[in-house]
Amino acid sequence: MAAWGAENFPKQPLNGATLRQVVRVSVGGEKLRLRLSNAFGDSPLILRSVSIGPSSKAGVIDPHTQIPVLFSGNASVMIPAGAEYLSDAVSMTLPPLSDLTITMLIERAPHAITTHSGAHATSWLASGDHVLDNQLSSPESFTHWFFLTGVEVQGASNGSSVVAFGDSITDGHGSSTDANDRWPDILAARLSKAHIGVVNRGIGGNRVLQDGLGPNALARFDRDVLATPGVRYLIVFEGVNDIGGLDRTEAHVAETHKALVREIEAAYVQIAARAHSQGIAVFGATVTAFRDSDYYHPSDQTEADRNALNQWIRTSGVFDAVIDFDKATRDPSRPDHLDPAVDCGDHLHPNPTGYKRMGELIPLDLFR
């Protein structure tokens, strides 16, 4: 998404700085390539060099294990405004569920920068060329990723990918920083021996129908789902921000609520049809409870909207299967509330226990 708000920009300049980021891959393999992005940039992004290597604690690397990443045989790359870019393939033995450090020297960054704000992983930035330094000296640290949108691993010949397409609950709000305990991480660990990669396409605050934090789900569907290499399965888990946002600042009549639910359902039909046209199986996930949410303070009508949408998800037949996250995480005695055991405290997002419950709920035979 496009960076917004001072808290989502580094405090120091990106130009001439070294940026070090850590990501976890799901499947292993012998070759990989990076997917870099200037999708929301207003001018070219120029990187002077990029290197990768195994991760250690707190951004420390072994310079002897670092491998340069090339682009059409060159160390530097210019990524035009609005574009994404694939690196050349890099030969590197990468075990499943391993952490990878990507260090880049930024020559020139656009004013509008492309970011993933809810990385729940620590990154580091230091002025000057420190790509091969084992540890950056007095760096600025933050929990965002910049310009990096994927690590594509060439694994088993029968491998495939599942895309987790959602909002902050898929993104992992309420999970532990640097612990990789979001629900897609739990699913990735369960699928790693089956050579099925899990790609997290959750954006905090994302909505199905309207732009908010990031483009709306329909607008980003082609880039974030269909363009994913090897995608064979899709889990759709969105809607809480559309439903909760309707009456957040003012109440609306019942017909407006019914129209919103119909429009979300129609969007789900579009998503399923576009995925099915590419041979992708689509699994619909029910919207989890959020009564007493500190942010949305949902009403009885809001809860009725959630129940109506969930009933449609369960019974419409649009999806190849249904994953009932709502049933798995709700309070048995108060089904409009999250189970206190899985509530991170804001009554909207699960905690790591909840994410573990969600990731373990998904039947593995869906991915045969």
Foldseek 3Di string as FASTA:
>chain_A
DWDDDPQQDDPDDLAQKKKKFKDWWQAWAFKKKFKFDLQAFPFKWKWQAKWKFFDDPPQFDQLVGIDTWAAVNHGMDIAGHNGMGIIPMDGDGGHGGGMMMMMIGTNDGGPTWDKQQLQLEKMWMDHHDCRSPRDDDPTDIHRMDTRTQDMGHDHDPPAAEEEEAEEVLLSPVQEHRPPQLRLLSLLSNVCHVVNYTYHRNYGHLEAQPQDDRHGHCVVCVCVRPVPDPRAAEYEYAYDLNLLLVPPQPHDDDLVVLVVSLVVSVVSLLVSLVVQVVVNHAYEYEQAAAQDQQPRRNDDPSSLVSSVVNRVCSCPVPSHPYYQYLLVQFAPPVDSNFGNPVQCSPRRHHGHSVSSNSSNVSDDPVVPD
